[in-house]
PDB file of N, CA and C in Angstrom:
ATOM      1  N   UNK A   1      -3.900  15.559  -4.308  1.00  0.00           N
ATOM      2  CA  UNK A   1      -2.613  14.750  -4.511  1.00  0.00           C
ATOM      3  C   UNK A   1      -2.464  14.006  -5.677  1.00  0.00           C
ATOM      4  N   UNK A   2      -1.332  13.922  -6.371  1.00  0.00           N
ATOM      5  CA  UNK A   2      -1.097  13.195  -7.498  1.00  0.00           C
ATOM      6  C   UNK A   2      -0.446  11.679  -6.940  1.00  0.00           C
ATOM      7  N   UNK A   3      -0.866  10.613  -7.530  1.00  0.00           N
ATOM      8  CA  UNK A   3      -0.536   9.561  -7.109  1.00  0.00           C
ATOM      9  C   UNK A   3      -0.166   8.622  -8.165  1.00  0.00           C
ATOM     10  N   UNK A   4       0.871   7.775  -8.237  1.00  0.00           N
ATOM     11  CA  UNK A   4       1.172   6.878  -9.323  1.00  0.00           C
ATOM     12  C   UNK A   4       0.821   5.512  -8.767  1.00  0.00           C
ATOM     13  N   UNK A   5       0.119   4.810  -9.658  1.00  0.00           N
ATOM     14  CA  UNK A   5      -0.443   3.625  -9.223  1.00  0.00           C
ATOM     15  C   UNK A   5       0.135   2.571 -10.466  1.00  0.00           C
ATOM     16  N   UNK A   6       0.816   1.565 -10.073  1.00  0.00           N
ATOM     17  CA  UNK A   6       1.280   0.539 -10.922  1.00  0.00           C
ATOM     18  C   UNK A   6       0.082  -0.580 -11.070  1.00  0.00           C
ATOM     19  N   UNK A   7      -0.147  -1.211 -12.143  1.00  0.00           N
ATOM     20  CA  UNK A   7      -1.275  -2.407 -12.200  1.00  0.00           C
ATOM     21  C   UNK A   7      -2.164  -2.033 -13.223  1.00  0.00           C
ATOM     22  N   UNK A   8      -2.919  -2.958 -13.305  1.00  0.00           N
ATOM     23  CA  UNK A   8      -4.021  -2.986 -14.317  1.00  0.00           C
ATOM     24  C   UNK A   8      -4.924  -1.897 -13.982  1.00  0.00           C
ATOM     25  N   UNK A   9      -5.916  -1.546 -15.023  1.00  0.00           N
ATOM     26  CA  UNK A   9      -6.806  -0.575 -14.924  1.00  0.00           C
ATOM     27  C   UNK A   9      -7.834  -0.873 -13.614  1.00  0.00           C
ATOM     28  N   UNK A  10      -8.157  -2.080 -13.385  1.00  0.00           N
ATOM     29  CA  UNK A  10      -8.939  -2.477 -12.326  1.00  0.00           C
ATOM     30  C   UNK A  10      -8.341  -2.122 -10.944  1.00  0.00           C
ATOM     31  N   UNK A  11      -6.996  -2.671 -11.124  1.00  0.00           N
ATOM     32  CA  UNK A  11      -6.315  -2.380  -9.723  1.00  0.00           C
ATOM     33  C   UNK A  11      -6.030  -0.975  -9.451  1.00  0.00           C
ATOM     34  N   UNK A  12      -5.866  -0.144 -10.528  1.00  0.00           N
ATOM     35  CA  UNK A  12      -5.728   1.208 -10.318  1.00  0.00           C
ATOM     36  C   UNK A  12      -6.972   1.904  -9.889  1.00  0.00           C
ATOM     37  N   UNK A  13      -8.233   1.404 -10.315  1.00  0.00           N
ATOM     38  CA  UNK A  13      -9.483   1.959  -9.855  1.00  0.00           C
ATOM     39  C   UNK A  13      -9.771   1.564  -8.632  1.00  0.00           C
ATOM     40  N   UNK A  14      -9.353   0.200  -8.078  1.00  0.00           N
ATOM     41  CA  UNK A  14      -9.769  -0.085  -6.650  1.00  0.00           C
ATOM     42  C   UNK A  14      -8.807   0.756  -5.857  1.00  0.00           C
ATOM     43  N   UNK A  15      -7.604   1.008  -6.278  1.00  0.00           N
ATOM     44  CA  UNK A  15      -6.599   1.899  -5.254  1.00  0.00           C
ATOM     45  C   UNK A  15      -7.270   3.336  -5.149  1.00  0.00           C
ATOM     46  N   UNK A  16      -7.781   3.882  -6.078  1.00  0.00           N
ATOM     47  CA  UNK A  16      -8.306   5.140  -6.298  1.00  0.00           C
ATOM     48  C   UNK A  16      -9.824   5.113  -5.424  1.00  0.00           C
ATOM     49  N   UNK A  17     -10.424   4.247  -5.553  1.00  0.00           N
ATOM     50  CA  UNK A  17     -11.718   4.004  -4.552  1.00  0.00           C
ATOM     51  C   UNK A  17     -11.275   3.897  -3.023  1.00  0.00           C
ATOM     52  N   UNK A  18     -10.385   3.209  -2.823  1.00  0.00           N
ATOM     53  CA  UNK A  18      -9.710   3.100  -1.357  1.00  0.00           C
ATOM     54  C   UNK A  18      -9.413   4.418  -0.998  1.00  0.00           C
ATOM     55  N   UNK A  19      -8.603   5.093  -1.792  1.00  0.00           N
ATOM     56  CA  UNK A  19      -8.064   6.513  -1.328  1.00  0.00           C
ATOM     57  C   UNK A  19      -9.161   7.437  -1.190  1.00  0.00           C
ATOM     58  N   UNK A  20     -10.167   7.346  -2.085  1.00  0.00           N
ATOM     59  CA  UNK A  20     -11.310   8.180  -1.862  1.00  0.00           C
ATOM     60  C   UNK A  20     -12.164   7.880  -0.749  1.00  0.00           C
ATOM     61  N   UNK A  21     -12.222   6.724  -0.371  1.00  0.00           N
ATOM     62  CA  UNK A  21     -12.996   6.351   0.933  1.00  0.00           C
ATOM     63  C   UNK A  21     -12.283   6.791   2.161  1.00  0.00           C
ATOM     64  N   UNK A  22     -11.100   7.098   2.231  1.00  0.00           N
ATOM     65  CA  UNK A  22     -10.318   7.439   3.361  1.00  0.00           C
ATOM     66  C   UNK A  22     -10.034   8.949   3.351  1.00  0.00           C
ATOM     67  N   UNK A  23     -10.313   9.680   2.355  1.00  0.00           N
ATOM     68  CA  UNK A  23      -9.956  11.125   2.093  1.00  0.00           C
ATOM     69  C   UNK A  23     -10.315  11.868   3.262  1.00  0.00           C
ATOM     70  N   UNK A  24     -11.607  11.797   3.806  1.00  0.00           N
ATOM     71  CA  UNK A  24     -12.144  12.537   4.768  1.00  0.00           C
ATOM     72  C   UNK A  24     -11.469  12.322   5.952  1.00  0.00           C
ATOM     73  N   UNK A  25     -11.047  11.081   6.419  1.00  0.00           N
ATOM     74  CA  UNK A  25     -10.315  10.760   7.516  1.00  0.00           C
ATOM     75  C   UNK A  25      -9.001  11.512   7.453  1.00  0.00           C
ATOM     76  N   UNK A  26      -8.171  11.358   6.398  1.00  0.00           N
ATOM     77  CA  UNK A  26      -6.861  12.029   5.917  1.00  0.00           C
ATOM     78  C   UNK A  26      -6.948  13.402   6.328  1.00  0.00           C
ATOM     79  N   UNK A  27      -8.080  14.018   5.858  1.00  0.00           N
ATOM     80  CA  UNK A  27      -8.346  15.413   5.875  1.00  0.00           C
ATOM     81  C   UNK A  27      -8.370  15.833   7.490  1.00  0.00           C
ATOM     82  N   UNK A  28      -9.337  15.243   8.025  1.00  0.00           N
ATOM     83  CA  UNK A  28      -9.242  15.429   9.510  1.00  0.00           C
ATOM     84  C   UNK A  28      -8.025  15.184  10.411  1.00  0.00           C
ATOM     85  N   UNK A  29      -7.240  14.191   9.928  1.00  0.00           N
ATOM     86  CA  UNK A  29      -5.868  13.874  10.762  1.00  0.00           C
ATOM     87  C   UNK A  29      -5.051  15.032  10.375  1.00  0.00           C
ATOM     88  N   UNK A  30      -4.934  15.451   9.133  1.00  0.00           N
ATOM     89  CA  UNK A  30      -4.179  16.599   8.600  1.00  0.00           C
ATOM     90  C   UNK A  30      -4.448  17.838   9.341  1.00  0.00           C
ATOM     91  N   UNK A  31      -5.667  18.259   9.612  1.00  0.00           N
ATOM     92  CA  UNK A  31      -6.373  19.453  10.369  1.00  0.00           C
ATOM     93  C   UNK A  31      -5.698  19.282  11.771  1.00  0.00           C
ATOM     94  N   UNK A  32      -6.032  18.104  12.314  1.00  0.00           N
ATOM     95  CA  UNK A  32      -5.390  18.026  13.684  1.00  0.00           C
ATOM     96  C   UNK A  32      -3.864  18.180  13.970  1.00  0.00           C
ATOM     97  N   UNK A  33      -3.091  17.497  12.921  1.00  0.00           N
ATOM     98  CA  UNK A  33      -1.678  17.493  13.170  1.00  0.00           C
ATOM     99  C   UNK A  33      -1.207  19.003  12.868  1.00  0.00           C
ATOM    100  N   UNK A  34      -1.797  19.622  11.859  1.00  0.00           N
ATOM    101  CA  UNK A  34      -1.454  21.089  11.686  1.00  0.00           C
ATOM    102  C   UNK A  34      -2.145  22.077  12.446  1.00  0.00           C
ATOM    103  N   UNK A  35      -3.066  21.634  13.307  1.00  0.00           N
ATOM    104  CA  UNK A  35      -3.844  22.500  14.189  1.00  0.00           C
ATOM    105  C   UNK A  35      -4.381  23.533  13.349  1.00  0.00           C
ATOM    106  N   UNK A  36      -5.259  22.955  12.337  1.00  0.00           N
ATOM    107  CA  UNK A  36      -6.108  23.962  11.768  1.00  0.00           C
ATOM    108  C   UNK A  36      -7.515  23.589  11.925  1.00  0.00           C
ATOM    109  N   UNK A  37      -8.347  24.703  11.867  1.00  0.00           N
ATOM    110  CA  UNK A  37      -9.813  24.573  11.969  1.00  0.00           C
ATOM    111  C   UNK A  37     -10.460  23.847  10.784  1.00  0.00           C
ATOM    112  N   UNK A  38     -10.032  24.159   9.536  1.00  0.00           N
ATOM    113  CA  UNK A  38     -10.380  23.698   8.448  1.00  0.00           C
ATOM    114  C   UNK A  38      -9.268  23.332   7.535  1.00  0.00           C
ATOM    115  N   UNK A  39      -9.326  22.073   6.992  1.00  0.00           N
ATOM    116  CA  UNK A  39      -8.250  21.568   6.140  1.00  0.00           C
ATOM    117  C   UNK A  39      -8.654  21.541   4.742  1.00  0.00           C
ATOM    118  N   UNK A  40      -7.759  21.501   3.892  1.00  0.00           N
ATOM    119  CA  UNK A  40      -8.335  21.694   2.484  1.00  0.00           C
ATOM    120  C   UNK A  40      -8.694  20.329   2.115  1.00  0.00           C
ATOM    121  N   UNK A  41      -9.782  20.253   1.094  1.00  0.00           N
ATOM    122  CA  UNK A  41     -10.175  18.958   0.598  1.00  0.00           C
ATOM    123  C   UNK A  41      -9.160  18.074  -0.128  1.00  0.00           C
ATOM    124  N   UNK A  42      -9.105  16.948   0.129  1.00  0.00           N
ATOM    125  CA  UNK A  42      -8.159  16.034  -0.416  1.00  0.00           C
ATOM    126  C   UNK A  42      -8.822  15.439  -1.532  1.00  0.00           C
ATOM    127  N   UNK A  43      -8.035  15.506  -2.744  1.00  0.00           N
ATOM    128  CA  UNK A  43      -8.549  14.881  -4.084  1.00  0.00           C
ATOM    129  C   UNK A  43      -7.235  14.088  -4.544  1.00  0.00           C
ATOM    130  N   UNK A  44      -7.560  12.970  -4.890  1.00  0.00           N
ATOM    131  CA  UNK A  44      -6.437  12.144  -5.577  1.00  0.00           C
ATOM    132  C   UNK A  44      -6.604  12.118  -6.962  1.00  0.00           C
ATOM    133  N   UNK A  45      -5.495  12.267  -7.733  1.00  0.00           N
ATOM    134  CA  UNK A  45      -5.660  12.295  -9.111  1.00  0.00           C
ATOM    135  C   UNK A  45      -4.486  11.397  -9.616  1.00  0.00           C
ATOM    136  N   UNK A  46      -4.506  10.738 -10.724  1.00  0.00           N
ATOM    137  CA  UNK A  46      -3.484  10.005 -11.222  1.00  0.00           C
ATOM    138  C   UNK A  46      -2.336  10.722 -11.844  1.00  0.00           C
ATOM    139  N   UNK A  47      -1.231  10.241 -11.495  1.00  0.00           N
ATOM    140  CA  UNK A  47       0.079  10.863 -11.864  1.00  0.00           C
ATOM    141  C   UNK A  47       0.544   9.795 -12.932  1.00  0.00           C
ATOM    142  N   UNK A  48       0.418  10.157 -14.129  1.00  0.00           N
ATOM    143  CA  UNK A  48       0.918   9.416 -15.385  1.00  0.00           C
ATOM    144  C   UNK A  48       2.565   9.591 -15.738  1.00  0.00           C
ATOM    145  N   UNK A  49       3.163  10.340 -14.988  1.00  0.00           N
ATOM    146  CA  UNK A  49       4.737  10.616 -15.355  1.00  0.00           C
ATOM    147  C   UNK A  49       5.514   9.355 -15.604  1.00  0.00           C
ATOM    148  N   UNK A  50       5.254   8.339 -14.685  1.00  0.00           N
ATOM    149  CA  UNK A  50       6.034   7.007 -15.003  1.00  0.00           C
ATOM    150  C   UNK A  50       5.736   6.439 -16.297  1.00  0.00           C
ATOM    151  N   UNK A  51       4.221   6.543 -16.785  1.00  0.00           N
ATOM    152  CA  UNK A  51       3.709   5.816 -17.905  1.00  0.00           C
ATOM    153  C   UNK A  51       4.300   6.742 -19.205  1.00  0.00           C
ATOM    154  N   UNK A  52       4.367   8.165 -18.944  1.00  0.00           N
ATOM    155  CA  UNK A  52       4.956   8.898 -20.189  1.00  0.00           C
ATOM    156  C   UNK A  52       6.436   8.720 -20.284  1.00  0.00           C
ATOM    157  N   UNK A  53       7.089   8.559 -19.221  1.00  0.00           N
ATOM    158  CA  UNK A  53       8.583   8.413 -19.220  1.00  0.00           C
ATOM    159  C   UNK A  53       8.950   6.992 -19.952  1.00  0.00           C
ATOM    160  N   UNK A  54       8.005   6.202 -19.506  1.00  0.00           N
ATOM    161  CA  UNK A  54       8.297   4.822 -20.146  1.00  0.00           C
ATOM    162  C   UNK A  54       8.000   4.799 -21.709  1.00  0.00           C
ATOM    163  N   UNK A  55       6.970   5.603 -22.106  1.00  0.00           N
ATOM    164  CA  UNK A  55       6.529   5.736 -23.555  1.00  0.00           C
ATOM    165  C   UNK A  55       7.806   6.541 -24.316  1.00  0.00           C
ATOM    166  N   UNK A  56       8.306   7.545 -23.724  1.00  0.00           N
ATOM    167  CA  UNK A  56       9.477   8.307 -24.133  1.00  0.00           C
ATOM    168  C   UNK A  56      10.674   7.437 -24.373  1.00  0.00           C
ATOM    169  N   UNK A  57      11.071   6.517 -23.457  1.00  0.00           N
ATOM    170  CA  UNK A  57      12.077   5.644 -23.453  1.00  0.00           C
ATOM    171  C   UNK A  57      11.831   4.474 -24.817  1.00  0.00           C
ATOM    172  N   UNK A  58      10.686   4.108 -24.721  1.00  0.00           N
ATOM    173  CA  UNK A  58      10.276   3.252 -25.796  1.00  0.00           C
ATOM    174  C   UNK A  58      10.550   3.748 -27.333  1.00  0.00           C
ATOM    175  N   UNK A  59      10.078   5.087 -27.419  1.00  0.00           N
ATOM    176  CA  UNK A  59      10.287   5.819 -28.706  1.00  0.00           C
ATOM    177  C   UNK A  59      11.721   6.026 -28.938  1.00  0.00           C
ATOM    178  N   UNK A  60      12.575   6.284 -27.790  1.00  0.00           N
ATOM    179  CA  UNK A  60      13.979   6.526 -27.990  1.00  0.00           C
ATOM    180  C   UNK A  60      14.685   5.389 -28.426  1.00  0.00           C
ATOM    181  N   UNK A  61      14.226   4.257 -27.994  1.00  0.00           N
ATOM    182  CA  UNK A  61      14.961   2.826 -28.243  1.00  0.00           C
ATOM    183  C   UNK A  61      14.507   2.474 -29.747  1.00  0.00           C
ATOM    184  N   UNK A  62      13.252   2.680 -30.116  1.00  0.00           N
ATOM    185  CA  UNK A  62      12.903   2.495 -31.582  1.00  0.00           C
ATOM    186  C   UNK A  62      13.762   3.403 -32.487  1.00  0.00           C
ATOM    187  N   UNK A  63      13.967   4.589 -32.130  1.00  0.00           N
ATOM    188  CA  UNK A  63      14.786   5.532 -32.943  1.00  0.00           C
ATOM    189  C   UNK A  63      16.225   5.091 -33.109  1.00  0.00           C
ATOM    190  N   UNK A  64      16.898   4.565 -32.035  1.00  0.00           N
ATOM    191  CA  UNK A  64      18.132   4.024 -31.890  1.00  0.00           C
ATOM    192  C   UNK A  64      18.185   2.823 -32.767  1.00  0.00           C
ATOM    193  N   UNK A  65      17.206   1.813 -32.754  1.00  0.00           N
ATOM    194  CA  UNK A  65      17.134   0.768 -33.697  1.00  0.00           C
ATOM    195  C   UNK A  65      17.284   1.160 -35.086  1.00  0.00           C
ATOM    196  N   UNK A  66      16.390   2.085 -35.316  1.00  0.00           N
ATOM    197  CA  UNK A  66      16.302   2.348 -36.760  1.00  0.00           C
ATOM    198  C   UNK A  66      17.557   3.145 -37.232  1.00  0.00           C
ATOM    199  N   UNK A  67      18.266   3.937 -36.406  1.00  0.00           N
ATOM    200  CA  UNK A  67      19.436   4.624 -36.797  1.00  0.00           C
ATOM    201  C   UNK A  67      20.518   3.528 -36.942  1.00  0.00           C
ATOM    202  N   UNK A  68      20.471   2.496 -36.155  1.00  0.00           N
ATOM    203  CA  UNK A  68      21.473   1.417 -36.443  1.00  0.00           C
ATOM    204  C   UNK A  68      21.208   0.686 -37.579  1.00  0.00           C
ATOM    205  N   UNK A  69      20.081   0.322 -37.928  1.00  0.00           N
ATOM    206  CA  UNK A  69      19.631  -0.396 -39.120  1.00  0.00           C
ATOM    207  C   UNK A  69      19.980   0.564 -40.414  1.00  0.00           C
ATOM    208  N   UNK A  70      19.842   1.751 -40.156  1.00  0.00           N
ATOM    209  CA  UNK A  70      20.133   2.712 -41.221  1.00  0.00           C
ATOM    210  C   UNK A  70      21.632   2.546 -41.490  1.00  0.00           C
ATOM    211  N   UNK A  71      22.489   2.784 -40.464  1.00  0.00           N
ATOM    212  CA  UNK A  71      23.896   2.798 -40.657  1.00  0.00           C
ATOM    213  C   UNK A  71      24.528   1.390 -41.131  1.00  0.00           C
ATOM    214  N   UNK A  72      23.699   0.415 -40.945  1.00  0.00           N
ATOM    215  CA  UNK A  72      24.143  -1.027 -41.359  1.00  0.00           C
ATOM    216  C   UNK A  72      23.788  -0.938 -42.930  1.00  0.00           C
ATOM    217  N   UNK A  73      22.661  -0.396 -43.226  1.00  0.00           N
ATOM    218  CA  UNK A  73      22.392  -0.404 -44.760  1.00  0.00           C
ATOM    219  C   UNK A  73      23.515   0.601 -45.546  1.00  0.00           C
ATOM    220  N   UNK A  74      23.856   1.647 -44.915  1.00  0.00           N
ATOM    221  CA  UNK A  74      24.957   2.382 -45.593  1.00  0.00           C
ATOM    222  C   UNK A  74      26.165   1.825 -45.781  1.00  0.00           C
ATOM    223  N   UNK A  75      26.677   0.846 -44.684  1.00  0.00           N
ATOM    224  CA  UNK A  75      27.779   0.193 -44.632  1.00  0.00           C
ATOM    225  C   UNK A  75      27.719  -0.812 -45.818  1.00  0.00           C
ATOM    226  N   UNK A  76      26.655  -1.375 -46.064  1.00  0.00           N
ATOM    227  CA  UNK A  76      26.418  -2.402 -47.217  1.00  0.00           C
ATOM    228  C   UNK A  76      26.575  -1.850 -48.531  1.00  0.00           C
ATOM    229  N   UNK A  77      26.406  -0.497 -48.730  1.00  0.00           N
ATOM    230  CA  UNK A  77      26.637  -0.012 -50.092  1.00  0.00           C
ATOM    231  C   UNK A  77      27.832   0.319 -50.499  1.00  0.00           C
TER     232      UNK A  77
END
């Protein structure tokens, strides 16, 4: 499962440690609820989509500022 975790690296690590510690319990609960003999192993991975989207937004804001500055520069000529 992909998981988005906000916070410092220490907080993220603590979250993933906690998730890893309950993974086997979650696996057995999934098996019970779905009436499966064997449930797939649950692994937690970091979903960095939010961080990547924030980076893209930041880059776009920088480009917009540069374009505005360039336009002001052309008006001064």
